[in-house]
Protein backbone atom coordinates (compact mmCIF):
# COMPACT_ATOMS: atom_id res chain seq x y z
CA MET A 1 -12.19 13.24 3.12
CA ILE A 2 -11.38 9.53 2.83
CA GLY A 3 -13.43 7.35 0.57
CA ARG A 4 -13.56 3.61 0.35
CA LEU A 5 -10.92 1.22 1.58
CA ASN A 6 -8.77 0.49 -1.47
CA HIS A 7 -6.61 -2.26 -0.01
CA ILE A 8 -4.88 -3.78 2.98
CA ALA A 9 -1.19 -4.51 2.41
CA ILE A 10 0.50 -7.56 3.89
CA ALA A 11 4.28 -7.90 3.82
CA VAL A 12 5.25 -11.49 3.02
CA PRO A 13 8.62 -13.27 3.19
CA ASP A 14 7.81 -15.50 0.19
CA LEU A 15 5.68 -13.90 -2.53
CA THR A 16 5.28 -17.12 -4.53
CA ALA A 17 4.03 -19.06 -1.50
CA ALA A 18 1.71 -16.24 -0.40
CA THR A 19 0.27 -15.95 -3.91
CA ALA A 20 -0.34 -19.70 -4.05
CA LEU A 21 -2.02 -19.65 -0.63
CA TYR A 22 -4.50 -16.95 -1.65
CA ARG A 23 -5.07 -18.43 -5.13
CA ASP A 24 -5.08 -22.17 -4.43
CA THR A 25 -6.21 -22.44 -0.82
CA LEU A 26 -8.60 -19.50 -0.61
CA GLY A 27 -9.68 -19.58 -4.28
CA ALA A 28 -9.00 -15.89 -4.86
CA LYS A 29 -8.17 -14.21 -8.14
CA VAL A 30 -4.62 -12.84 -7.97
CA SER A 31 -2.64 -10.60 -10.30
CA ALA A 32 0.76 -11.32 -11.75
CA PRO A 33 3.63 -9.82 -9.72
CA ILE A 34 4.18 -6.11 -10.38
CA ALA A 35 7.64 -4.65 -9.72
CA GLN A 36 7.56 -1.18 -8.17
CA PRO A 37 11.23 -0.10 -8.06
CA GLU A 38 10.39 3.44 -6.92
CA HIS A 39 8.74 1.97 -3.82
CA GLY A 40 11.20 -0.91 -3.34
CA VAL A 41 8.57 -3.63 -3.58
CA THR A 42 7.08 -6.28 -5.78
CA VAL A 43 3.31 -6.57 -5.31
CA VAL A 44 0.57 -9.03 -6.10
CA PHE A 45 -3.06 -7.96 -5.77
CA VAL A 46 -5.66 -10.35 -4.44
CA GLU A 47 -8.94 -9.17 -5.92
CA LEU A 48 -12.04 -9.35 -3.74
CA SER A 49 -15.58 -8.22 -4.51
CA ASN A 50 -15.35 -5.17 -2.23
CA THR A 51 -11.61 -4.38 -1.99
CA LYS A 52 -8.13 -5.83 -2.54
CA VAL A 53 -5.35 -7.36 -0.49
CA GLU A 54 -1.87 -6.29 -1.60
CA LEU A 55 0.91 -8.80 -0.97
CA LEU A 56 4.24 -6.94 -0.62
CA HIS A 57 7.71 -8.39 -1.03
CA PRO A 58 11.07 -6.55 -0.92
CA LEU A 59 12.62 -5.40 -4.20
CA GLY A 60 16.19 -4.19 -3.97
CA ASP A 61 18.57 -3.61 -1.08
CA LYS A 62 16.88 -0.44 0.18
CA SER A 63 13.35 -1.80 0.33
CA PRO A 64 11.39 -0.57 3.36
CA ILE A 65 9.68 -3.95 3.38
CA ALA A 66 12.99 -5.72 4.09
CA GLY A 67 13.26 -3.89 7.41
CA PHE A 68 9.64 -4.68 8.23
CA LEU A 69 10.26 -8.39 7.56
CA GLU A 70 13.41 -8.35 9.71
CA ARG A 71 11.23 -7.22 12.61
CA ASN A 72 8.34 -9.50 11.57
CA PRO A 73 9.91 -12.56 9.88
CA ALA A 74 6.57 -14.30 9.30
CA GLY A 75 5.14 -11.18 7.64
CA GLY A 76 2.13 -9.15 8.69
CA ILE A 77 -0.14 -6.23 7.95
CA HIS A 78 1.98 -3.36 6.68
CA HIS A 79 -0.53 -0.60 5.82
CA VAL A 80 -4.08 0.29 4.88
CA CYS A 81 -4.92 2.35 1.81
CA TYR A 82 -7.88 4.72 1.54
CA GLU A 83 -9.07 6.48 -1.57
CA VAL A 84 -9.28 10.28 -1.77
CA ALA A 85 -10.81 12.40 -4.51
CA ASP A 86 -7.99 14.98 -4.58
CA ILE A 87 -4.65 13.88 -3.16
CA LEU A 88 -3.15 17.37 -3.01
CA ALA A 89 -6.16 18.81 -1.18
CA ALA A 90 -6.11 15.80 1.17
CA ARG A 91 -2.37 16.27 1.80
CA ASP A 92 -2.81 19.95 2.55
CA LYS A 93 -5.70 19.33 4.96
CA LEU A 94 -3.84 16.54 6.71
CA ARG A 95 -0.76 18.73 7.17
CA ALA A 96 -2.89 21.63 8.40
CA ASP A 97 -4.42 19.25 10.96
CA GLY A 98 -0.96 18.15 12.16
CA ALA A 99 -0.54 14.83 10.34
CA ARG A 100 2.91 14.03 8.98
CA VAL A 101 3.21 13.08 5.32
CA LEU A 102 6.19 10.80 4.72
CA GLY A 103 8.89 11.42 2.13
CA ASP A 104 9.09 14.77 0.41
CA GLY A 105 5.31 15.25 0.52
CA GLU A 106 4.91 14.98 -3.23
CA PRO A 107 2.73 12.14 -4.52
CA LYS A 108 4.41 9.22 -6.27
CA ILE A 109 2.74 6.88 -8.70
CA GLY A 110 1.66 3.66 -7.00
CA ALA A 111 1.00 0.14 -8.26
CA HIS A 112 -2.41 1.13 -9.70
CA GLY A 113 -0.81 3.91 -11.76
CA LEU A 114 -2.36 6.57 -9.51
CA PRO A 115 -0.82 9.15 -7.17
CA VAL A 116 -0.18 7.97 -3.58
CA LEU A 117 1.17 9.36 -0.31
CA PHE A 118 1.96 7.70 3.01
CA LEU A 119 1.12 9.12 6.44
CA HIS A 120 3.19 8.60 9.58
CA PRO A 121 1.94 5.68 11.67
CA LYS A 122 2.47 7.57 14.93
CA ASP A 123 -0.27 9.97 13.83
CA PHE A 124 -2.74 7.12 13.16
CA TYR A 125 -2.51 4.89 16.25
CA GLY A 126 0.39 2.80 14.97
CA THR A 127 -1.03 2.23 11.49
CA LEU A 128 0.82 3.25 8.35
CA VAL A 129 -1.80 4.88 6.13
CA GLU A 130 -1.58 5.24 2.37
CA ILE A 131 -3.90 7.58 0.52
CA GLU A 132 -4.50 7.06 -3.19
CA GLN A 133 -6.23 9.44 -5.55
CA THR A 134 -9.22 7.87 -7.23
CA ALA A 135 -8.99 7.05 -10.91
CA ALA A 136 -11.87 9.40 -11.74
CA ALA A 137 -10.06 12.33 -10.14
CA ALA A 138 -6.77 11.47 -11.83
CA ALA A 139 -8.34 11.36 -15.30
């Protein structure tokens, strides 16, 4: 069901500093910050040849990333994102197999402009999993 690894997301306490570290110290190409109010985050994508790293920073008072950073003040890996060809079919199979889909179970549009869902970390050995429909399938 899952395809390639789309990105690994890292919650950071200082988005400007994290962006500079990846750009200036590691020499990576990074995107401009992208506000995602529906998800309560501002993101920057670090583009690699085979995947991306998503730097996450809280946006707004109800950001889920704020709570994560309270528990992990230095930041840390927040989630992994895998691509799926059909997000609704993937959701239905996951539910049928006992996995919990977070939120209301309906896909939301993510930072890439594609439908995404999150899966409960207790069902995936402590890892928050995001699934994202591939661009080809969404077209």
